[in-house]
Amino acid sequence: MTNEEPGEVEKNGQEEVEFVLRLYVIGASSNSVRAITNLKDICETYIKGRYSLDIIDVYQQKEIAEAQQLIALPLLIKTFPLPERRLIGDMSDKDRVLRGLGIIV
């Protein structure tokens, strides 16, 4: 591993970006469950081994929703690589999620 930006990992002599993702959901609602399932499937298919995913249930941690000024959920925030991106919804539109993450153009 080199001393480059955080989130970059070296694999087979080639640097690959590690995606840092946060998914905000509200309880075990059907939209939340779908968003978690869809996002995990997308990550494991397209960026396997190159991502960290935190799932935050704002029903359990209400102060986070207020601090982050979250209005619509489920909400995915990609914090790295830059630019930061925000996607709202159940993550069922795979192409939209891939574009939002910057995996495809």
PDB file of N, CA and C in Angstrom:
ATOM      1  N   MET A   1       0.852  -1.172   0.000  1.00  0.00           N
ATOM      2  CA  MET A   1       0.000   0.000   0.000  1.00  0.00           C
ATOM      3  C   MET A   1       0.894   1.230   0.000  1.00  0.00           C
ATOM      4  N   THR A   2       0.495   2.248  -0.737  1.00  0.00           N
ATOM      5  CA  THR A   2       1.279   3.469  -0.802  1.00  0.00           C
ATOM      6  C   THR A   2       0.702   4.502   0.136  1.00  0.00           C
ATOM      7  N   ASN A   3       1.375   5.628   0.247  1.00  0.00           N
ATOM      8  CA  ASN A   3       0.906   6.714   1.100  1.00  0.00           C
ATOM      9  C   ASN A   3       0.071   7.705   0.310  1.00  0.00           C
ATOM     10  N   GLU A   4      -0.768   7.232  -0.562  1.00  0.00           N
ATOM     11  CA  GLU A   4      -1.650   8.082  -1.356  1.00  0.00           C
ATOM     12  C   GLU A   4      -2.871   8.458  -0.528  1.00  0.00           C
ATOM     13  N   GLU A   5      -3.900   8.913  -1.202  1.00  0.00           N
ATOM     14  CA  GLU A   5      -5.147   9.292  -0.543  1.00  0.00           C
ATOM     15  C   GLU A   5      -5.714   8.116   0.241  1.00  0.00           C
ATOM     16  N   PRO A   6      -6.411   8.388   1.359  1.00  0.00           N
ATOM     17  CA  PRO A   6      -7.062   7.290   2.071  1.00  0.00           C
ATOM     18  C   PRO A   6      -8.101   6.665   1.163  1.00  0.00           C
ATOM     19  N   GLY A   7      -8.233   5.365   1.260  1.00  0.00           N
ATOM     20  CA  GLY A   7      -9.221   4.690   0.433  1.00  0.00           C
ATOM     21  C   GLY A   7      -8.628   4.084  -0.824  1.00  0.00           C
ATOM     22  N   GLU A   8      -7.338   4.315  -1.099  1.00  0.00           N
ATOM     23  CA  GLU A   8      -6.717   3.697  -2.255  1.00  0.00           C
ATOM     24  C   GLU A   8      -5.992   2.445  -1.791  1.00  0.00           C
ATOM     25  N   VAL A   9      -6.221   1.355  -2.490  1.00  0.00           N
ATOM     26  CA  VAL A   9      -5.560   0.104  -2.145  1.00  0.00           C
ATOM     27  C   VAL A   9      -4.782  -0.385  -3.354  1.00  0.00           C
ATOM     28  N   GLU A  10      -3.690  -1.070  -3.093  1.00  0.00           N
ATOM     29  CA  GLU A  10      -2.879  -1.593  -4.180  1.00  0.00           C
ATOM     30  C   GLU A  10      -3.209  -3.066  -4.351  1.00  0.00           C
ATOM     31  N   LYS A  11      -3.475  -3.451  -5.583  1.00  0.00           N
ATOM     32  CA  LYS A  11      -3.827  -4.834  -5.869  1.00  0.00           C
ATOM     33  C   LYS A  11      -3.088  -5.245  -7.134  1.00  0.00           C
ATOM     34  N   ASN A  12      -2.251  -6.276  -7.037  1.00  0.00           N
ATOM     35  CA  ASN A  12      -1.471  -6.747  -8.171  1.00  0.00           C
ATOM     36  C   ASN A  12      -0.658  -5.627  -8.813  1.00  0.00           C
ATOM     37  N   GLY A  13      -0.065  -4.757  -7.981  1.00  0.00           N
ATOM     38  CA  GLY A  13       0.755  -3.682  -8.493  1.00  0.00           C
ATOM     39  C   GLY A  13      -0.026  -2.533  -9.096  1.00  0.00           C
ATOM     40  N   GLN A  14      -1.332  -2.572  -9.002  1.00  0.00           N
ATOM     41  CA  GLN A  14      -2.170  -1.535  -9.599  1.00  0.00           C
ATOM     42  C   GLN A  14      -3.036  -0.921  -8.507  1.00  0.00           C
ATOM     43  N   GLU A  15      -3.115   0.415  -8.493  1.00  0.00           N
ATOM     44  CA  GLU A  15      -3.916   1.080  -7.470  1.00  0.00           C
ATOM     45  C   GLU A  15      -5.387   1.039  -7.853  1.00  0.00           C
ATOM     46  N   GLU A  16      -6.218   0.668  -6.910  1.00  0.00           N
ATOM     47  CA  GLU A  16      -7.658   0.651  -7.118  1.00  0.00           C
ATOM     48  C   GLU A  16      -8.301   1.440  -5.997  1.00  0.00           C
ATOM     49  N   VAL A  17      -9.327   2.171  -6.340  1.00  0.00           N
ATOM     50  CA  VAL A  17      -9.995   3.028  -5.372  1.00  0.00           C
ATOM     51  C   VAL A  17     -10.940   2.206  -4.513  1.00  0.00           C
ATOM     52  N   GLU A  18     -10.899   2.465  -3.215  1.00  0.00           N
ATOM     53  CA  GLU A  18     -11.861   1.858  -2.302  1.00  0.00           C
ATOM     54  C   GLU A  18     -13.001   2.848  -2.091  1.00  0.00           C
ATOM     55  N   PHE A  19     -14.215   2.389  -2.281  1.00  0.00           N
ATOM     56  CA  PHE A  19     -15.391   3.230  -2.122  1.00  0.00           C
ATOM     57  C   PHE A  19     -15.809   3.254  -0.657  1.00  0.00           C
ATOM     58  N   VAL A  20     -16.084   4.439  -0.149  1.00  0.00           N
ATOM     59  CA  VAL A  20     -16.554   4.604   1.221  1.00  0.00           C
ATOM     60  C   VAL A  20     -18.009   5.048   1.133  1.00  0.00           C
ATOM     61  N   LEU A  21     -18.903   4.175   1.607  1.00  0.00           N
ATOM     62  CA  LEU A  21     -20.340   4.384   1.453  1.00  0.00           C
ATOM     63  C   LEU A  21     -21.042   4.373   2.799  1.00  0.00           C
ATOM     64  N   ARG A  22     -22.073   5.199   2.906  1.00  0.00           N
ATOM     65  CA  ARG A  22     -22.945   5.213   4.080  1.00  0.00           C
ATOM     66  C   ARG A  22     -24.385   5.164   3.595  1.00  0.00           C
ATOM     67  N   LEU A  23     -25.137   4.187   4.066  1.00  0.00           N
ATOM     68  CA  LEU A  23     -26.544   4.057   3.697  1.00  0.00           C
ATOM     69  C   LEU A  23     -27.389   4.334   4.930  1.00  0.00           C
ATOM     70  N   TYR A  24     -28.223   5.357   4.829  1.00  0.00           N
ATOM     71  CA  TYR A  24     -29.134   5.719   5.920  1.00  0.00           C
ATOM     72  C   TYR A  24     -30.502   5.133   5.611  1.00  0.00           C
ATOM     73  N   VAL A  25     -31.040   4.366   6.557  1.00  0.00           N
ATOM     74  CA  VAL A  25     -32.356   3.743   6.406  1.00  0.00           C
ATOM     75  C   VAL A  25     -33.185   4.053   7.640  1.00  0.00           C
ATOM     76  N   ILE A  26     -34.473   3.731   7.555  1.00  0.00           N
ATOM     77  CA  ILE A  26     -35.340   3.930   8.716  1.00  0.00           C
ATOM     78  C   ILE A  26     -36.010   2.606   9.061  1.00  0.00           C
ATOM     79  N   GLY A  27     -35.499   1.971  10.096  1.00  0.00           N
ATOM     80  CA  GLY A  27     -36.066   0.711  10.563  1.00  0.00           C
ATOM     81  C   GLY A  27     -35.987  -0.389   9.523  1.00  0.00           C
ATOM     82  N   ALA A  28     -36.902  -1.341   9.642  1.00  0.00           N
ATOM     83  CA  ALA A  28     -36.944  -2.487   8.738  1.00  0.00           C
ATOM     84  C   ALA A  28     -38.070  -2.337   7.728  1.00  0.00           C
ATOM     85  N   SER A  29     -38.308  -1.113   7.271  1.00  0.00           N
ATOM     86  CA  SER A  29     -39.354  -0.881   6.273  1.00  0.00           C
ATOM     87  C   SER A  29     -38.991  -1.613   4.985  1.00  0.00           C
ATOM     88  N   SER A  30     -39.983  -1.836   4.137  1.00  0.00           N
ATOM     89  CA  SER A  30     -39.723  -2.556   2.889  1.00  0.00           C
ATOM     90  C   SER A  30     -38.723  -1.798   2.016  1.00  0.00           C
ATOM     91  N   ASN A  31     -38.801  -0.464   1.984  1.00  0.00           N
ATOM     92  CA  ASN A  31     -37.832   0.324   1.209  1.00  0.00           C
ATOM     93  C   ASN A  31     -36.425   0.175   1.769  1.00  0.00           C
ATOM     94  N   SER A  32     -36.301   0.154   3.090  1.00  0.00           N
ATOM     95  CA  SER A  32     -34.988   0.001   3.721  1.00  0.00           C
ATOM     96  C   SER A  32     -34.383  -1.358   3.398  1.00  0.00           C
ATOM     97  N   VAL A  33     -35.176  -2.402   3.537  1.00  0.00           N
ATOM     98  CA  VAL A  33     -34.694  -3.760   3.270  1.00  0.00           C
ATOM     99  C   VAL A  33     -34.286  -3.898   1.806  1.00  0.00           C
ATOM    100  N   ARG A  34     -35.109  -3.352   0.888  1.00  0.00           N
ATOM    101  CA  ARG A  34     -34.785  -3.393  -0.541  1.00  0.00           C
ATOM    102  C   ARG A  34     -33.495  -2.634  -0.832  1.00  0.00           C
ATOM    103  N   ALA A  35     -33.346  -1.457  -0.230  1.00  0.00           N
ATOM    104  CA  ALA A  35     -32.144  -0.647  -0.464  1.00  0.00           C
ATOM    105  C   ALA A  35     -30.891  -1.394  -0.008  1.00  0.00           C
ATOM    106  N   ILE A  36     -30.949  -2.002   1.170  1.00  0.00           N
ATOM    107  CA  ILE A  36     -29.798  -2.749   1.699  1.00  0.00           C
ATOM    108  C   ILE A  36     -29.461  -3.920   0.783  1.00  0.00           C
ATOM    109  N   THR A  37     -30.469  -4.702   0.416  1.00  0.00           N
ATOM    110  CA  THR A  37     -30.263  -5.870  -0.440  1.00  0.00           C
ATOM    111  C   THR A  37     -29.709  -5.466  -1.798  1.00  0.00           C
ATOM    112  N   ASN A  38     -30.336  -4.468  -2.424  1.00  0.00           N
ATOM    113  CA  ASN A  38     -29.901  -4.027  -3.751  1.00  0.00           C
ATOM    114  C   ASN A  38     -28.484  -3.474  -3.719  1.00  0.00           C
ATOM    115  N   LEU A  39     -28.178  -2.651  -2.721  1.00  0.00           N
ATOM    116  CA  LEU A  39     -26.853  -2.038  -2.656  1.00  0.00           C
ATOM    117  C   LEU A  39     -25.768  -3.081  -2.395  1.00  0.00           C
ATOM    118  N   LYS A  40     -26.024  -4.014  -1.486  1.00  0.00           N
ATOM    119  CA  LYS A  40     -25.035  -5.068  -1.223  1.00  0.00           C
ATOM    120  C   LYS A  40     -24.779  -5.893  -2.482  1.00  0.00           C
ATOM    121  N   ASP A  41     -25.844  -6.195  -3.232  1.00  0.00           N
ATOM    122  CA  ASP A  41     -25.707  -6.958  -4.469  1.00  0.00           C
ATOM    123  C   ASP A  41     -24.863  -6.190  -5.490  1.00  0.00           C
ATOM    124  N   ILE A  42     -25.139  -4.902  -5.646  1.00  0.00           N
ATOM    125  CA  ILE A  42     -24.379  -4.072  -6.585  1.00  0.00           C
ATOM    126  C   ILE A  42     -22.911  -4.012  -6.167  1.00  0.00           C
ATOM    127  N   CYS A  43     -22.657  -3.772  -4.897  1.00  0.00           N
ATOM    128  CA  CYS A  43     -21.272  -3.673  -4.410  1.00  0.00           C
ATOM    129  C   CYS A  43     -20.516  -4.979  -4.596  1.00  0.00           C
ATOM    130  N   GLU A  44     -21.139  -6.095  -4.270  1.00  0.00           N
ATOM    131  CA  GLU A  44     -20.472  -7.389  -4.398  1.00  0.00           C
ATOM    132  C   GLU A  44     -20.239  -7.766  -5.857  1.00  0.00           C
ATOM    133  N   THR A  45     -21.078  -7.279  -6.753  1.00  0.00           N
ATOM    134  CA  THR A  45     -20.928  -7.583  -8.171  1.00  0.00           C
ATOM    135  C   THR A  45     -19.885  -6.691  -8.840  1.00  0.00           C
ATOM    136  N   TYR A  46     -19.877  -5.404  -8.531  1.00  0.00           N
ATOM    137  CA  TYR A  46     -19.064  -4.447  -9.280  1.00  0.00           C
ATOM    138  C   TYR A  46     -17.816  -3.944  -8.559  1.00  0.00           C
ATOM    139  N   ILE A  47     -17.817  -3.913  -7.230  1.00  0.00           N
ATOM    140  CA  ILE A  47     -16.642  -3.384  -6.512  1.00  0.00           C
ATOM    141  C   ILE A  47     -16.262  -4.291  -5.333  1.00  0.00           C
ATOM    142  N   LYS A  48     -16.436  -5.569  -5.521  1.00  0.00           N
ATOM    143  CA  LYS A  48     -16.155  -6.544  -4.463  1.00  0.00           C
ATOM    144  C   LYS A  48     -14.736  -6.367  -3.924  1.00  0.00           C
ATOM    145  N   GLY A  49     -14.635  -6.286  -2.595  1.00  0.00           N
ATOM    146  CA  GLY A  49     -13.344  -6.142  -1.948  1.00  0.00           C
ATOM    147  C   GLY A  49     -12.779  -4.731  -1.995  1.00  0.00           C
ATOM    148  N   ARG A  50     -13.532  -3.803  -2.594  1.00  0.00           N
ATOM    149  CA  ARG A  50     -13.035  -2.428  -2.726  1.00  0.00           C
ATOM    150  C   ARG A  50     -14.021  -1.422  -2.152  1.00  0.00           C
ATOM    151  N   TYR A  51     -14.736  -1.807  -1.113  1.00  0.00           N
ATOM    152  CA  TYR A  51     -15.694  -0.865  -0.537  1.00  0.00           C
ATOM    153  C   TYR A  51     -15.868  -1.112   0.951  1.00  0.00           C
ATOM    154  N   SER A  52     -16.251  -0.047   1.635  1.00  0.00           N
ATOM    155  CA  SER A  52     -16.712  -0.182   3.011  1.00  0.00           C
ATOM    156  C   SER A  52     -18.110   0.420   3.034  1.00  0.00           C
ATOM    157  N   LEU A  53     -19.011  -0.260   3.690  1.00  0.00           N
ATOM    158  CA  LEU A  53     -20.408   0.156   3.725  1.00  0.00           C
ATOM    159  C   LEU A  53     -20.881   0.191   5.166  1.00  0.00           C
ATOM    160  N   ASP A  54     -21.275   1.375   5.610  1.00  0.00           N
ATOM    161  CA  ASP A  54     -21.895   1.527   6.923  1.00  0.00           C
ATOM    162  C   ASP A  54     -23.387   1.699   6.701  1.00  0.00           C
ATOM    163  N   ILE A  55     -24.184   0.927   7.421  1.00  0.00           N
ATOM    164  CA  ILE A  55     -25.637   1.051   7.345  1.00  0.00           C
ATOM    165  C   ILE A  55     -26.103   1.655   8.660  1.00  0.00           C
ATOM    166  N   ILE A  56     -26.730   2.820   8.571  1.00  0.00           N
ATOM    167  CA  ILE A  56     -27.159   3.548   9.759  1.00  0.00           C
ATOM    168  C   ILE A  56     -28.674   3.593   9.790  1.00  0.00           C
ATOM    169  N   ASP A  57     -29.248   3.050  10.854  1.00  0.00           N
ATOM    170  CA  ASP A  57     -30.697   3.073  11.046  1.00  0.00           C
ATOM    171  C   ASP A  57     -31.040   4.323  11.852  1.00  0.00           C
ATOM    172  N   VAL A  58     -31.617   5.324  11.185  1.00  0.00           N
ATOM    173  CA  VAL A  58     -31.907   6.583  11.874  1.00  0.00           C
ATOM    174  C   VAL A  58     -33.083   6.444  12.838  1.00  0.00           C
ATOM    175  N   TYR A  59     -33.835   5.361  12.729  1.00  0.00           N
ATOM    176  CA  TYR A  59     -34.886   5.093  13.705  1.00  0.00           C
ATOM    177  C   TYR A  59     -34.249   4.806  15.068  1.00  0.00           C
ATOM    178  N   GLN A  60     -33.112   4.119  15.038  1.00  0.00           N
ATOM    179  CA  GLN A  60     -32.380   3.789  16.263  1.00  0.00           C
ATOM    180  C   GLN A  60     -31.486   4.943  16.724  1.00  0.00           C
ATOM    181  N   GLN A  61     -31.067   5.781  15.769  1.00  0.00           N
ATOM    182  CA  GLN A  61     -30.124   6.862  16.068  1.00  0.00           C
ATOM    183  C   GLN A  61     -30.661   8.183  15.507  1.00  0.00           C
ATOM    184  N   LYS A  62     -31.719   8.685  16.118  1.00  0.00           N
ATOM    185  CA  LYS A  62     -32.409   9.878  15.617  1.00  0.00           C
ATOM    186  C   LYS A  62     -31.518  11.111  15.545  1.00  0.00           C
ATOM    187  N   GLU A  63     -30.555  11.213  16.450  1.00  0.00           N
ATOM    188  CA  GLU A  63     -29.675  12.386  16.455  1.00  0.00           C
ATOM    189  C   GLU A  63     -28.849  12.488  15.177  1.00  0.00           C
ATOM    190  N   ILE A  64     -28.566  11.353  14.547  1.00  0.00           N
ATOM    191  CA  ILE A  64     -27.806  11.366  13.295  1.00  0.00           C
ATOM    192  C   ILE A  64     -28.627  12.016  12.189  1.00  0.00           C
ATOM    193  N   ALA A  65     -29.913  11.701  12.131  1.00  0.00           N
ATOM    194  CA  ALA A  65     -30.784  12.295  11.109  1.00  0.00           C
ATOM    195  C   ALA A  65     -30.810  13.806  11.240  1.00  0.00           C
ATOM    196  N   GLU A  66     -30.872  14.288  12.462  1.00  0.00           N
ATOM    197  CA  GLU A  66     -30.878  15.734  12.688  1.00  0.00           C
ATOM    198  C   GLU A  66     -29.525  16.347  12.347  1.00  0.00           C
ATOM    199  N   ALA A  67     -28.457  15.733  12.795  1.00  0.00           N
ATOM    200  CA  ALA A  67     -27.116  16.279  12.558  1.00  0.00           C
ATOM    201  C   ALA A  67     -26.767  16.302  11.069  1.00  0.00           C
ATOM    202  N   GLN A  68     -27.172  15.266  10.343  1.00  0.00           N
ATOM    203  CA  GLN A  68     -26.875  15.172   8.913  1.00  0.00           C
ATOM    204  C   GLN A  68     -27.930  15.869   8.050  1.00  0.00           C
ATOM    205  N   GLN A  69     -28.982  16.381   8.684  1.00  0.00           N
ATOM    206  CA  GLN A  69     -30.098  17.038   7.994  1.00  0.00           C
ATOM    207  C   GLN A  69     -30.684  16.132   6.909  1.00  0.00           C
ATOM    208  N   LEU A  70     -31.007  14.906   7.309  1.00  0.00           N
ATOM    209  CA  LEU A  70     -31.577  13.929   6.385  1.00  0.00           C
ATOM    210  C   LEU A  70     -33.076  14.153   6.285  1.00  0.00           C
ATOM    211  N   ILE A  71     -33.563  14.277   5.065  1.00  0.00           N
ATOM    212  CA  ILE A  71     -35.001  14.491   4.887  1.00  0.00           C
ATOM    213  C   ILE A  71     -35.667  13.318   4.181  1.00  0.00           C
ATOM    214  N   ALA A  72     -34.974  12.684   3.252  1.00  0.00           N
ATOM    215  CA  ALA A  72     -35.551  11.577   2.495  1.00  0.00           C
ATOM    216  C   ALA A  72     -34.684  10.337   2.690  1.00  0.00           C
ATOM    217  N   LEU A  73     -35.338   9.214   2.938  1.00  0.00           N
ATOM    218  CA  LEU A  73     -34.632   7.956   3.161  1.00  0.00           C
ATOM    219  C   LEU A  73     -35.295   6.854   2.349  1.00  0.00           C
ATOM    220  N   PRO A  74     -34.583   5.813   1.996  1.00  0.00           N
ATOM    221  CA  PRO A  74     -33.173   5.544   2.202  1.00  0.00           C
ATOM    222  C   PRO A  74     -32.295   6.525   1.415  1.00  0.00           C
ATOM    223  N   LEU A  75     -31.136   6.817   1.978  1.00  0.00           N
ATOM    224  CA  LEU A  75     -30.184   7.749   1.377  1.00  0.00           C
ATOM    225  C   LEU A  75     -28.799   7.122   1.398  1.00  0.00           C
ATOM    226  N   LEU A  76     -28.174   7.065   0.229  1.00  0.00           N
ATOM    227  CA  LEU A  76     -26.809   6.561   0.113  1.00  0.00           C
ATOM    228  C   LEU A  76     -25.885   7.753  -0.100  1.00  0.00           C
ATOM    229  N   ILE A  77     -24.835   7.830   0.710  1.00  0.00           N
ATOM    230  CA  ILE A  77     -23.830   8.877   0.537  1.00  0.00           C
ATOM    231  C   ILE A  77     -22.495   8.203   0.240  1.00  0.00           C
ATOM    232  N   LYS A  78     -21.919   8.564  -0.903  1.00  0.00           N
ATOM    233  CA  LYS A  78     -20.574   8.107  -1.259  1.00  0.00           C
ATOM    234  C   LYS A  78     -19.627   9.225  -0.850  1.00  0.00           C
ATOM    235  N   THR A  79     -18.776   8.965   0.140  1.00  0.00           N
ATOM    236  CA  THR A  79     -17.859  10.006   0.607  1.00  0.00           C
ATOM    237  C   THR A  79     -16.487   9.919  -0.052  1.00  0.00           C
ATOM    238  N   PHE A  80     -16.144   8.761  -0.572  1.00  0.00           N
ATOM    239  CA  PHE A  80     -14.871   8.594  -1.265  1.00  0.00           C
ATOM    240  C   PHE A  80     -15.038   7.531  -2.315  1.00  0.00           C
ATOM    241  N   PRO A  81     -14.494   7.683  -3.499  1.00  0.00           N
ATOM    242  CA  PRO A  81     -13.696   8.803  -3.968  1.00  0.00           C
ATOM    243  C   PRO A  81     -14.552  10.042  -4.223  1.00  0.00           C
ATOM    244  N   LEU A  82     -13.894  11.183  -4.164  1.00  0.00           N
ATOM    245  CA  LEU A  82     -14.580  12.447  -4.420  1.00  0.00           C
ATOM    246  C   LEU A  82     -14.993  12.521  -5.885  1.00  0.00           C
ATOM    247  N   PRO A  83     -16.009  13.247  -6.236  1.00  0.00           N
ATOM    248  CA  PRO A  83     -16.836  14.098  -5.388  1.00  0.00           C
ATOM    249  C   PRO A  83     -17.844  13.273  -4.596  1.00  0.00           C
ATOM    250  N   GLU A  84     -18.258  13.836  -3.458  1.00  0.00           N
ATOM    251  CA  GLU A  84     -19.300  13.192  -2.666  1.00  0.00           C
ATOM    252  C   GLU A  84     -20.575  13.153  -3.496  1.00  0.00           C
ATOM    253  N   ARG A  85     -21.288  12.040  -3.409  1.00  0.00           N
ATOM    254  CA  ARG A  85     -22.552  11.887  -4.134  1.00  0.00           C
ATOM    255  C   ARG A  85     -23.620  11.387  -3.179  1.00  0.00           C
ATOM    256  N   ARG A  86     -24.879  11.790  -3.446  1.00  0.00           N
ATOM    257  CA  ARG A  86     -26.020  11.345  -2.644  1.00  0.00           C
ATOM    258  C   ARG A  86     -27.081  10.766  -3.565  1.00  0.00           C
ATOM    259  N   LEU A  87     -27.562   9.570  -3.213  1.00  0.00           N
ATOM    260  CA  LEU A  87     -28.623   8.907  -3.973  1.00  0.00           C
ATOM    261  C   LEU A  87     -29.758   8.574  -3.021  1.00  0.00           C
ATOM    262  N   ILE A  88     -30.971   8.883  -3.450  1.00  0.00           N
ATOM    263  CA  ILE A  88     -32.150   8.628  -2.622  1.00  0.00           C
ATOM    264  C   ILE A  88     -32.989   7.542  -3.284  1.00  0.00           C
ATOM    265  N   GLY A  89     -33.514   6.623  -2.479  1.00  0.00           N
ATOM    266  CA  GLY A  89     -34.412   5.596  -2.995  1.00  0.00           C
ATOM    267  C   GLY A  89     -33.969   4.205  -2.596  1.00  0.00           C
ATOM    268  N   ASP A  90     -34.632   3.199  -3.181  1.00  0.00           N
ATOM    269  CA  ASP A  90     -34.375   1.815  -2.768  1.00  0.00           C
ATOM    270  C   ASP A  90     -33.236   1.147  -3.539  1.00  0.00           C
ATOM    271  N   MET A  91     -32.514   1.903  -4.333  1.00  0.00           N
ATOM    272  CA  MET A  91     -31.334   1.444  -5.075  1.00  0.00           C
ATOM    273  C   MET A  91     -31.670   0.345  -6.077  1.00  0.00           C
ATOM    274  N   SER A  92     -32.932   0.285  -6.538  1.00  0.00           N
ATOM    275  CA  SER A  92     -33.333  -0.755  -7.480  1.00  0.00           C
ATOM    276  C   SER A  92     -32.938  -0.430  -8.919  1.00  0.00           C
ATOM    277  N   ASP A  93     -32.668   0.842  -9.230  1.00  0.00           N
ATOM    278  CA  ASP A  93     -32.219   1.223 -10.568  1.00  0.00           C
ATOM    279  C   ASP A  93     -30.699   1.078 -10.609  1.00  0.00           C
ATOM    280  N   LYS A  94     -30.251  -0.113 -11.020  1.00  0.00           N
ATOM    281  CA  LYS A  94     -28.831  -0.446 -10.965  1.00  0.00           C
ATOM    282  C   LYS A  94     -27.972   0.540 -11.755  1.00  0.00           C
ATOM    283  N   ASP A  95     -28.398   0.923 -12.963  1.00  0.00           N
ATOM    284  CA  ASP A  95     -27.610   1.857 -13.770  1.00  0.00           C
ATOM    285  C   ASP A  95     -27.465   3.204 -13.074  1.00  0.00           C
ATOM    286  N   ARG A  96     -28.538   3.683 -12.453  1.00  0.00           N
ATOM    287  CA  ARG A  96     -28.500   4.963 -11.733  1.00  0.00           C
ATOM    288  C   ARG A  96     -27.516   4.891 -10.568  1.00  0.00           C
ATOM    289  N   VAL A  97     -27.534   3.785  -9.844  1.00  0.00           N
ATOM    290  CA  VAL A  97     -26.618   3.613  -8.709  1.00  0.00           C
ATOM    291  C   VAL A  97     -25.171   3.537  -9.206  1.00  0.00           C
ATOM    292  N   LEU A  98     -24.928   2.774 -10.263  1.00  0.00           N
ATOM    293  CA  LEU A  98     -23.574   2.652 -10.807  1.00  0.00           C
ATOM    294  C   LEU A  98     -23.052   3.999 -11.302  1.00  0.00           C
ATOM    295  N   ARG A  99     -23.912   4.779 -11.963  1.00  0.00           N
ATOM    296  CA  ARG A  99     -23.509   6.125 -12.399  1.00  0.00           C
ATOM    297  C   ARG A  99     -23.270   7.026 -11.191  1.00  0.00           C
ATOM    298  N   GLY A 100     -24.150   6.938 -10.207  1.00  0.00           N
ATOM    299  CA  GLY A 100     -24.018   7.758  -9.008  1.00  0.00           C
ATOM    300  C   GLY A 100     -22.741   7.470  -8.235  1.00  0.00           C
ATOM    301  N   LEU A 101     -22.326   6.222  -8.239  1.00  0.00           N
ATOM    302  CA  LEU A 101     -21.086   5.842  -7.560  1.00  0.00           C
ATOM    303  C   LEU A 101     -19.853   6.148  -8.410  1.00  0.00           C
ATOM    304  N   GLY A 102     -20.082   6.454  -9.690  1.00  0.00           N
ATOM    305  CA  GLY A 102     -18.959   6.733 -10.587  1.00  0.00           C
ATOM    306  C   GLY A 102     -18.304   5.478 -11.121  1.00  0.00           C
ATOM    307  N   ILE A 103     -19.000   4.343 -11.050  1.00  0.00           N
ATOM    308  CA  ILE A 103     -18.454   3.083 -11.546  1.00  0.00           C
ATOM    309  C   ILE A 103     -18.579   3.025 -13.065  1.00  0.00           C
ATOM    310  N   ILE A 104     -19.700   3.518 -13.584  1.00  0.00           N
ATOM    311  CA  ILE A 104     -19.871   3.655 -15.032  1.00  0.00           C
ATOM    312  C   ILE A 104     -20.189   5.113 -15.335  1.00  0.00           C
ATOM    313  N   VAL A 105     -19.932   5.505 -16.573  1.00  0.00           N
ATOM    314  CA  VAL A 105     -20.172   6.899 -16.962  1.00  0.00           C
ATOM    315  C   VAL A 105     -21.481   7.009 -17.702  1.00  0.00           C
TER     316      VAL A 105
END
